[in-house]
PDB file of N, CA and C in Angstrom:
ATOM      1  N   UNK A   1       7.213 -13.314  13.585  1.00  0.00           N
ATOM      2  CA  UNK A   1       7.216 -11.822  13.800  1.00  0.00           C
ATOM      3  C   UNK A   1       7.556 -10.999  12.914  1.00  0.00           C
ATOM      4  N   UNK A   2       9.152 -11.427  13.316  1.00  0.00           N
ATOM      5  CA  UNK A   2      10.181 -10.680  12.849  1.00  0.00           C
ATOM      6  C   UNK A   2       9.727 -10.278  11.477  1.00  0.00           C
ATOM      7  N   UNK A   3      10.230 -11.128  10.597  1.00  0.00           N
ATOM      8  CA  UNK A   3       9.556 -11.009   8.879  1.00  0.00           C
ATOM      9  C   UNK A   3       8.346 -10.336   8.490  1.00  0.00           C
ATOM     10  N   UNK A   4       7.494 -10.127   9.256  1.00  0.00           N
ATOM     11  CA  UNK A   4       6.704  -8.685   8.599  1.00  0.00           C
ATOM     12  C   UNK A   4       6.691  -7.220   9.541  1.00  0.00           C
ATOM     13  N   UNK A   5       7.933  -7.898  10.727  1.00  0.00           N
ATOM     14  CA  UNK A   5       8.504  -5.959  11.839  1.00  0.00           C
ATOM     15  C   UNK A   5       9.485  -5.967  10.426  1.00  0.00           C
ATOM     16  N   UNK A   6      10.132  -6.944   9.914  1.00  0.00           N
ATOM     17  CA  UNK A   6      11.787  -6.622   9.134  1.00  0.00           C
ATOM     18  C   UNK A   6      11.430  -6.015   7.594  1.00  0.00           C
ATOM     19  N   UNK A   7      10.855  -7.106   7.455  1.00  0.00           N
ATOM     20  CA  UNK A   7      10.194  -6.438   5.241  1.00  0.00           C
ATOM     21  C   UNK A   7       8.511  -6.365   5.155  1.00  0.00           C
ATOM     22  N   UNK A   8       8.069  -6.851   6.188  1.00  0.00           N
ATOM     23  CA  UNK A   8       6.441  -6.370   5.135  1.00  0.00           C
ATOM     24  C   UNK A   8       6.463  -4.869   5.943  1.00  0.00           C
ATOM     25  N   UNK A   9       6.452  -4.435   7.172  1.00  0.00           N
ATOM     26  CA  UNK A   9       6.385  -2.996   7.166  1.00  0.00           C
ATOM     27  C   UNK A   9       7.033  -2.379   6.980  1.00  0.00           C
ATOM     28  N   UNK A  10       8.232  -2.022   7.183  1.00  0.00           N
ATOM     29  CA  UNK A  10       8.611  -1.459   5.935  1.00  0.00           C
ATOM     30  C   UNK A  10       8.424  -0.772   4.434  1.00  0.00           C
ATOM     31  N   UNK A  11       7.643  -2.031   3.524  1.00  0.00           N
ATOM     32  CA  UNK A  11       7.563  -1.997   1.657  1.00  0.00           C
ATOM     33  C   UNK A  11       6.342  -1.807   1.944  1.00  0.00           C
ATOM     34  N   UNK A  12       5.862  -1.558   2.658  1.00  0.00           N
ATOM     35  CA  UNK A  12       3.724  -1.447   3.441  1.00  0.00           C
ATOM     36  C   UNK A  12       3.753  -0.395   2.718  1.00  0.00           C
ATOM     37  N   UNK A  13       4.154   0.916   2.546  1.00  0.00           N
ATOM     38  CA  UNK A  13       3.857   2.361   2.320  1.00  0.00           C
ATOM     39  C   UNK A  13       3.826   1.767   0.853  1.00  0.00           C
ATOM     40  N   UNK A  14       4.895   1.429   0.399  1.00  0.00           N
ATOM     41  CA  UNK A  14       5.110   1.378  -1.151  1.00  0.00           C
ATOM     42  C   UNK A  14       3.694   1.044  -2.111  1.00  0.00           C
ATOM     43  N   UNK A  15       3.708  -0.082  -0.988  1.00  0.00           N
ATOM     44  CA  UNK A  15       2.359  -1.148  -1.191  1.00  0.00           C
ATOM     45  C   UNK A  15       1.042  -0.385  -1.891  1.00  0.00           C
ATOM     46  N   UNK A  16       0.605   0.661  -0.626  1.00  0.00           N
ATOM     47  CA  UNK A  16      -0.124   1.194  -0.825  1.00  0.00           C
ATOM     48  C   UNK A  16      -0.164   2.130  -1.624  1.00  0.00           C
ATOM     49  N   UNK A  17       1.096   2.977  -2.371  1.00  0.00           N
ATOM     50  CA  UNK A  17       1.089   3.462  -2.995  1.00  0.00           C
ATOM     51  C   UNK A  17       0.698   3.268  -4.355  1.00  0.00           C
ATOM     52  N   UNK A  18       1.464   1.850  -4.595  1.00  0.00           N
ATOM     53  CA  UNK A  18       1.396   2.005  -5.639  1.00  0.00           C
ATOM     54  C   UNK A  18      -0.189   0.658  -6.111  1.00  0.00           C
ATOM     55  N   UNK A  19      -0.611   0.054  -5.035  1.00  0.00           N
ATOM     56  CA  UNK A  19      -1.905  -0.144  -5.174  1.00  0.00           C
ATOM     57  C   UNK A  19      -3.307   0.832  -5.066  1.00  0.00           C
ATOM     58  N   UNK A  20      -3.183   2.189  -4.846  1.00  0.00           N
ATOM     59  CA  UNK A  20      -3.506   3.453  -4.029  1.00  0.00           C
ATOM     60  C   UNK A  20      -3.741   3.750  -5.827  1.00  0.00           C
ATOM     61  N   UNK A  21      -2.652   3.544  -6.879  1.00  0.00           N
ATOM     62  CA  UNK A  21      -2.487   4.108  -7.790  1.00  0.00           C
ATOM     63  C   UNK A  21      -3.343   3.225  -8.598  1.00  0.00           C
ATOM     64  N   UNK A  22      -2.554   2.410  -8.820  1.00  0.00           N
ATOM     65  CA  UNK A  22      -3.672   0.997 -10.069  1.00  0.00           C
ATOM     66  C   UNK A  22      -4.999   1.142  -9.584  1.00  0.00           C
ATOM     67  N   UNK A  23      -5.603   1.295  -8.294  1.00  0.00           N
ATOM     68  CA  UNK A  23      -6.921   1.116  -8.208  1.00  0.00           C
ATOM     69  C   UNK A  23      -7.626   2.511  -8.694  1.00  0.00           C
ATOM     70  N   UNK A  24      -7.028   3.800  -8.310  1.00  0.00           N
ATOM     71  CA  UNK A  24      -7.328   4.652  -9.270  1.00  0.00           C
ATOM     72  C   UNK A  24      -7.667   5.009 -10.279  1.00  0.00           C
ATOM     73  N   UNK A  25      -6.685   3.841 -11.219  1.00  0.00           N
ATOM     74  CA  UNK A  25      -6.875   4.525 -12.154  1.00  0.00           C
ATOM     75  C   UNK A  25      -7.358   3.231 -13.053  1.00  0.00           C
ATOM     76  N   UNK A  26      -7.279   1.980 -12.318  1.00  0.00           N
ATOM     77  CA  UNK A  26      -8.900   1.465 -12.582  1.00  0.00           C
ATOM     78  C   UNK A  26     -10.022   1.573 -12.518  1.00  0.00           C
ATOM     79  N   UNK A  27     -10.479   2.750 -11.896  1.00  0.00           N
ATOM     80  CA  UNK A  27     -11.349   3.436 -11.992  1.00  0.00           C
ATOM     81  C   UNK A  27     -11.547   4.310 -12.528  1.00  0.00           C
ATOM     82  N   UNK A  28     -10.729   5.252 -13.339  1.00  0.00           N
ATOM     83  CA  UNK A  28     -10.880   6.078 -14.299  1.00  0.00           C
ATOM     84  C   UNK A  28     -11.316   5.737 -15.627  1.00  0.00           C
ATOM     85  N   UNK A  29     -10.243   4.619 -15.796  1.00  0.00           N
ATOM     86  CA  UNK A  29     -10.541   3.847 -17.241  1.00  0.00           C
ATOM     87  C   UNK A  29     -11.790   3.187 -17.847  1.00  0.00           C
ATOM     88  N   UNK A  30     -13.297   2.719 -16.582  1.00  0.00           N
ATOM     89  CA  UNK A  30     -14.750   2.502 -16.374  1.00  0.00           C
ATOM     90  C   UNK A  30     -15.551   3.585 -16.471  1.00  0.00           C
ATOM     91  N   UNK A  31     -15.251   5.224 -16.627  1.00  0.00           N
ATOM     92  CA  UNK A  31     -16.030   5.708 -16.523  1.00  0.00           C
ATOM     93  C   UNK A  31     -17.031   5.713 -18.064  1.00  0.00           C
ATOM     94  N   UNK A  32     -17.817   5.998 -18.474  1.00  0.00           N
ATOM     95  CA  UNK A  32     -18.327   6.418 -19.383  1.00  0.00           C
ATOM     96  C   UNK A  32     -18.747   7.655 -20.369  1.00  0.00           C
ATOM     97  N   UNK A  33     -18.178   7.711 -21.552  1.00  0.00           N
ATOM     98  CA  UNK A  33     -18.701   9.409 -21.796  1.00  0.00           C
ATOM     99  C   UNK A  33     -20.298   9.188 -21.357  1.00  0.00           C
ATOM    100  N   UNK A  34     -20.818   9.878 -20.821  1.00  0.00           N
ATOM    101  CA  UNK A  34     -21.581   9.771 -20.340  1.00  0.00           C
ATOM    102  C   UNK A  34     -21.901  11.584 -20.277  1.00  0.00           C
ATOM    103  N   UNK A  35     -23.559  12.186 -20.861  1.00  0.00           N
ATOM    104  CA  UNK A  35     -23.563  14.035 -20.242  1.00  0.00           C
ATOM    105  C   UNK A  35     -23.697  14.127 -19.022  1.00  0.00           C
ATOM    106  N   UNK A  36     -23.685  15.669 -19.418  1.00  0.00           N
ATOM    107  CA  UNK A  36     -23.918  15.993 -17.839  1.00  0.00           C
ATOM    108  C   UNK A  36     -25.374  15.796 -16.795  1.00  0.00           C
ATOM    109  N   UNK A  37     -25.765  15.542 -18.072  1.00  0.00           N
ATOM    110  CA  UNK A  37     -27.506  15.163 -17.353  1.00  0.00           C
ATOM    111  C   UNK A  37     -27.727  13.832 -16.614  1.00  0.00           C
ATOM    112  N   UNK A  38     -26.646  13.333 -17.566  1.00  0.00           N
ATOM    113  CA  UNK A  38     -26.598  12.314 -16.171  1.00  0.00           C
ATOM    114  C   UNK A  38     -26.262  12.249 -14.634  1.00  0.00           C
ATOM    115  N   UNK A  39     -25.885  13.312 -15.125  1.00  0.00           N
ATOM    116  CA  UNK A  39     -25.765  13.346 -13.673  1.00  0.00           C
ATOM    117  C   UNK A  39     -26.282  13.984 -12.254  1.00  0.00           C
ATOM    118  N   UNK A  40     -27.316  14.639 -12.878  1.00  0.00           N
ATOM    119  CA  UNK A  40     -28.456  14.849 -12.527  1.00  0.00           C
ATOM    120  C   UNK A  40     -30.154  13.749 -12.952  1.00  0.00           C
ATOM    121  N   UNK A  41     -29.643  12.917 -13.501  1.00  0.00           N
ATOM    122  CA  UNK A  41     -30.479  11.500 -13.153  1.00  0.00           C
ATOM    123  C   UNK A  41     -31.258  12.179 -14.780  1.00  0.00           C
ATOM    124  N   UNK A  42     -31.430  12.400 -15.210  1.00  0.00           N
ATOM    125  CA  UNK A  42     -31.138  12.635 -17.156  1.00  0.00           C
ATOM    126  C   UNK A  42     -30.834  12.187 -18.305  1.00  0.00           C
ATOM    127  N   UNK A  43     -29.998  10.453 -17.750  1.00  0.00           N
ATOM    128  CA  UNK A  43     -29.796   9.594 -18.690  1.00  0.00           C
ATOM    129  C   UNK A  43     -30.645   8.511 -19.184  1.00  0.00           C
ATOM    130  N   UNK A  44     -31.424   8.819 -19.840  1.00  0.00           N
ATOM    131  CA  UNK A  44     -31.224   6.827 -19.926  1.00  0.00           C
ATOM    132  C   UNK A  44     -30.676   5.605 -19.953  1.00  0.00           C
ATOM    133  N   UNK A  45     -29.340   5.922 -20.524  1.00  0.00           N
ATOM    134  CA  UNK A  45     -28.931   5.157 -20.875  1.00  0.00           C
ATOM    135  C   UNK A  45     -27.877   4.591 -19.550  1.00  0.00           C
ATOM    136  N   UNK A  46     -28.465   5.410 -18.635  1.00  0.00           N
ATOM    137  CA  UNK A  46     -27.476   4.088 -17.818  1.00  0.00           C
ATOM    138  C   UNK A  46     -28.824   3.090 -16.778  1.00  0.00           C
ATOM    139  N   UNK A  47     -30.192   3.683 -17.783  1.00  0.00           N
ATOM    140  CA  UNK A  47     -31.513   3.366 -16.841  1.00  0.00           C
ATOM    141  C   UNK A  47     -31.837   1.520 -16.891  1.00  0.00           C
ATOM    142  N   UNK A  48     -30.476   1.709 -17.930  1.00  0.00           N
ATOM    143  CA  UNK A  48     -30.978   0.261 -18.537  1.00  0.00           C
ATOM    144  C   UNK A  48     -29.837  -1.209 -18.524  1.00  0.00           C
ATOM    145  N   UNK A  49     -30.264  -2.344 -18.618  1.00  0.00           N
ATOM    146  CA  UNK A  49     -28.863  -3.721 -18.193  1.00  0.00           C
ATOM    147  C   UNK A  49     -27.971  -3.315 -19.116  1.00  0.00           C
ATOM    148  N   UNK A  50     -27.158  -3.429 -18.756  1.00  0.00           N
ATOM    149  CA  UNK A  50     -25.378  -3.506 -19.040  1.00  0.00           C
ATOM    150  C   UNK A  50     -24.598  -4.682 -18.841  1.00  0.00           C
ATOM    151  N   UNK A  51     -24.886  -5.525 -19.565  1.00  0.00           N
ATOM    152  CA  UNK A  51     -23.682  -6.624 -19.481  1.00  0.00           C
ATOM    153  C   UNK A  51     -22.051  -6.382 -19.306  1.00  0.00           C
ATOM    154  N   UNK A  52     -21.673  -6.395 -18.503  1.00  0.00           N
ATOM    155  CA  UNK A  52     -19.802  -6.542 -18.538  1.00  0.00           C
ATOM    156  C   UNK A  52     -19.677  -7.628 -19.579  1.00  0.00           C
ATOM    157  N   UNK A  53     -18.254  -7.324 -20.720  1.00  0.00           N
ATOM    158  CA  UNK A  53     -17.562  -7.805 -21.620  1.00  0.00           C
ATOM    159  C   UNK A  53     -16.634  -7.644 -21.396  1.00  0.00           C
ATOM    160  N   UNK A  54     -15.339  -8.850 -21.683  1.00  0.00           N
ATOM    161  CA  UNK A  54     -14.217  -8.217 -22.588  1.00  0.00           C
ATOM    162  C   UNK A  54     -13.400  -7.494 -21.558  1.00  0.00           C
ATOM    163  N   UNK A  55     -12.753  -6.333 -21.586  1.00  0.00           N
ATOM    164  CA  UNK A  55     -12.096  -5.875 -21.154  1.00  0.00           C
ATOM    165  C   UNK A  55     -12.504  -5.183 -20.103  1.00  0.00           C
ATOM    166  N   UNK A  56     -14.281  -4.241 -19.518  1.00  0.00           N
ATOM    167  CA  UNK A  56     -14.439  -4.262 -19.036  1.00  0.00           C
ATOM    168  C   UNK A  56     -14.396  -4.507 -18.202  1.00  0.00           C
ATOM    169  N   UNK A  57     -15.228  -5.941 -17.464  1.00  0.00           N
ATOM    170  CA  UNK A  57     -15.036  -7.135 -17.041  1.00  0.00           C
ATOM    171  C   UNK A  57     -14.015  -7.614 -16.074  1.00  0.00           C
ATOM    172  N   UNK A  58     -13.103  -7.036 -17.073  1.00  0.00           N
ATOM    173  CA  UNK A  58     -11.650  -7.107 -16.680  1.00  0.00           C
ATOM    174  C   UNK A  58     -11.324  -5.893 -15.525  1.00  0.00           C
ATOM    175  N   UNK A  59     -11.459  -5.022 -15.937  1.00  0.00           N
ATOM    176  CA  UNK A  59     -11.558  -4.011 -15.647  1.00  0.00           C
ATOM    177  C   UNK A  59     -12.289  -3.993 -13.960  1.00  0.00           C
ATOM    178  N   UNK A  60     -13.740  -3.463 -14.284  1.00  0.00           N
ATOM    179  CA  UNK A  60     -14.892  -3.667 -13.080  1.00  0.00           C
ATOM    180  C   UNK A  60     -14.150  -4.974 -11.922  1.00  0.00           C
ATOM    181  N   UNK A  61     -13.298  -6.647 -12.368  1.00  0.00           N
ATOM    182  CA  UNK A  61     -13.275  -7.796 -11.487  1.00  0.00           C
ATOM    183  C   UNK A  61     -11.727  -7.041 -10.588  1.00  0.00           C
ATOM    184  N   UNK A  62     -11.026  -6.674 -11.571  1.00  0.00           N
ATOM    185  CA  UNK A  62      -9.663  -5.982 -11.061  1.00  0.00           C
ATOM    186  C   UNK A  62     -10.128  -5.108 -10.145  1.00  0.00           C
ATOM    187  N   UNK A  63     -11.008  -4.052 -10.356  1.00  0.00           N
ATOM    188  CA  UNK A  63     -10.723  -2.651  -9.221  1.00  0.00           C
ATOM    189  C   UNK A  63     -11.706  -3.696  -8.421  1.00  0.00           C
ATOM    190  N   UNK A  64     -11.889  -4.574  -8.224  1.00  0.00           N
ATOM    191  CA  UNK A  64     -13.196  -5.135  -7.040  1.00  0.00           C
ATOM    192  C   UNK A  64     -11.298  -5.795  -5.956  1.00  0.00           C
ATOM    193  N   UNK A  65     -10.217  -5.680  -6.900  1.00  0.00           N
ATOM    194  CA  UNK A  65      -9.619  -7.064  -6.257  1.00  0.00           C
ATOM    195  C   UNK A  65      -8.628  -6.227  -5.788  1.00  0.00           C
ATOM    196  N   UNK A  66      -8.277  -5.238  -6.116  1.00  0.00           N
ATOM    197  CA  UNK A  66      -6.961  -3.645  -6.029  1.00  0.00           C
ATOM    198  C   UNK A  66      -7.717  -2.803  -4.842  1.00  0.00           C
ATOM    199  N   UNK A  67      -9.453  -3.164  -4.644  1.00  0.00           N
ATOM    200  CA  UNK A  67      -9.543  -2.120  -3.244  1.00  0.00           C
ATOM    201  C   UNK A  67      -9.150  -3.537  -3.056  1.00  0.00           C
ATOM    202  N   UNK A  68      -9.951  -4.777  -2.000  1.00  0.00           N
ATOM    203  CA  UNK A  68      -9.438  -5.571  -1.708  1.00  0.00           C
ATOM    204  C   UNK A  68      -8.239  -5.086  -1.085  1.00  0.00           C
ATOM    205  N   UNK A  69      -7.646  -5.695  -1.269  1.00  0.00           N
ATOM    206  CA  UNK A  69      -5.619  -5.841  -1.242  1.00  0.00           C
ATOM    207  C   UNK A  69      -5.590  -4.319  -0.477  1.00  0.00           C
ATOM    208  N   UNK A  70      -6.196  -3.299  -1.624  1.00  0.00           N
ATOM    209  CA  UNK A  70      -5.399  -1.642  -0.130  1.00  0.00           C
ATOM    210  C   UNK A  70      -6.389  -1.629   0.758  1.00  0.00           C
ATOM    211  N   UNK A  71      -7.699  -2.389   1.503  1.00  0.00           N
ATOM    212  CA  UNK A  71      -7.884  -2.524   1.934  1.00  0.00           C
ATOM    213  C   UNK A  71      -6.838  -3.463   3.664  1.00  0.00           C
ATOM    214  N   UNK A  72      -6.452  -4.747   2.540  1.00  0.00           N
ATOM    215  CA  UNK A  72      -5.942  -5.762   3.763  1.00  0.00           C
ATOM    216  C   UNK A  72      -4.749  -4.611   4.440  1.00  0.00           C
ATOM    217  N   UNK A  73      -4.000  -4.153   3.431  1.00  0.00           N
ATOM    218  CA  UNK A  73      -2.754  -3.574   3.295  1.00  0.00           C
ATOM    219  C   UNK A  73      -2.619  -2.234   4.482  1.00  0.00           C
ATOM    220  N   UNK A  74      -4.098  -1.419   4.259  1.00  0.00           N
ATOM    221  CA  UNK A  74      -3.998  -0.510   5.633  1.00  0.00           C
ATOM    222  C   UNK A  74      -4.717  -0.790   6.537  1.00  0.00           C
ATOM    223  N   UNK A  75      -5.426  -2.335   6.802  1.00  0.00           N
ATOM    224  CA  UNK A  75      -5.615  -3.488   7.542  1.00  0.00           C
ATOM    225  C   UNK A  75      -4.283  -3.806   9.138  1.00  0.00           C
ATOM    226  N   UNK A  76      -3.172  -4.356   7.773  1.00  0.00           N
ATOM    227  CA  UNK A  76      -2.364  -5.001   8.548  1.00  0.00           C
ATOM    228  C   UNK A  76      -1.457  -3.519   9.121  1.00  0.00           C
ATOM    229  N   UNK A  77      -1.290  -2.630   8.445  1.00  0.00           N
ATOM    230  CA  UNK A  77      -0.763  -1.595   8.516  1.00  0.00           C
ATOM    231  C   UNK A  77      -1.216  -0.332  10.294  1.00  0.00           C
ATOM    232  N   UNK A  78      -2.447  -1.170  10.281  1.00  0.00           N
ATOM    233  CA  UNK A  78      -2.995  -0.364  11.841  1.00  0.00           C
ATOM    234  C   UNK A  78      -3.360  -1.337  12.811  1.00  0.00           C
ATOM    235  N   UNK A  79      -2.455  -2.818  12.601  1.00  0.00           N
ATOM    236  CA  UNK A  79      -2.663  -3.620  13.706  1.00  0.00           C
ATOM    237  C   UNK A  79      -1.531  -4.311  13.661  1.00  0.00           C
ATOM    238  N   UNK A  80      -0.135  -4.048  12.460  1.00  0.00           N
ATOM    239  CA  UNK A  80       1.000  -4.021  13.177  1.00  0.00           C
ATOM    240  C   UNK A  80       1.640  -2.474  13.733  1.00  0.00           C
TER     241      UNK A  80
END
């Protein structure tokens, strides 16, 4: 318990800032170049099935892991 209070809790805000920046970057890098019609449902490319490969799959999985770590760090901040 002393380790959590003396080491983890003071470093937690910095960890959350780093995780949030990495999460935002991983989500922003996934954005495709779609037209304005895609925002209103007029883009037919988004309706087709698209398999993720290579870097796109890595970014997708990295964003999931970063989101889970961010939520876990937020729960640790609330609990302790």
